[in-house]
Amino acid sequence: MANNIKNSTNLELPKKHFDLSLCKPVAKGAKKLIFYYPNDNDLLIKVLKPFKKSKEKNIIFDTISKLRQWYIVRLFYREIREYGKLKRSVNSGLCKHIPAFYGIADTNYGKGMIVEAIKEKDGGLCQTLKERLKSGNVQKDHILLLQEFFDNLTVSDIVAGDINSANLVLACHDGENKFVMIDGLGDKTLIPFRSWFPGNKRSFLEKKYIKLKARIEQALRLQEINPNDQERDNNS
């Protein structure tokens, strides 16, 4: 059972510059590095990975590289904007499915998002759904929890463009298990169609739900076929 998601939206953080160069990332994504907030392991700072300097001498490839960097930065700020929208929507059913957002930090990597760390009782970060699927640590009720998450996301005005098993964790909120989306907010398309057209968003979310539901069902079938393997995984 995961630890409770704390309710601390009024937390006041010192506004200062953080040098994270000597800190070890607690997690890494395709485009981000995630660090514990200095002196507070209940918070995280998410920053963009440093861009490698382009060695392209060809002006076309160099331009493409710069455009890609511009696009990644744009996605980062779209994610920040969605956190801001959600923070203002205090009555949204989606709030329990998204880590609390505490603002922006200046770091040696540039701007960083300060967000709540979703943790287990032992203090470690919660397992992602991807990790649970790999180890077979899923249950039938997880399908209902997944549906609840998608239902709340669908009726909200929040856009999440990168929904996958690596961006979802199972946490406990007010004594109940909930799926929490730890990354992937914001429209990921160059032209933000899902932000502009609700029908496009609904269709996208339905496809994502069906895909993730099928993966959980597949993991459950494997548990039935190889129950001894699952028991060994849980004891390892």
Foldseek 3Di string as FASTA:
>chain_A
DFDAQDDCLVDDDDADEAECVVPDFPDDDPFWTKGQDPPHNQKIWIFGDDDDQDPDPDPVVNVVSVVVVVLVVVQVVQQVVLLVVVSVVVVQPLVRQEWHWHDWHHYPRGIITMTGAGGGPVSHGFDFQVVCLVLLVDDPCVLVLLVVNLVSVLPDLWAFADDDRRQWGWHAHPRRIHIHGHDGTGHSDPPRPVNVDSVVRNVVSVVRSVVVSVSNVVSVVVCVVCVVSSVVSVVD
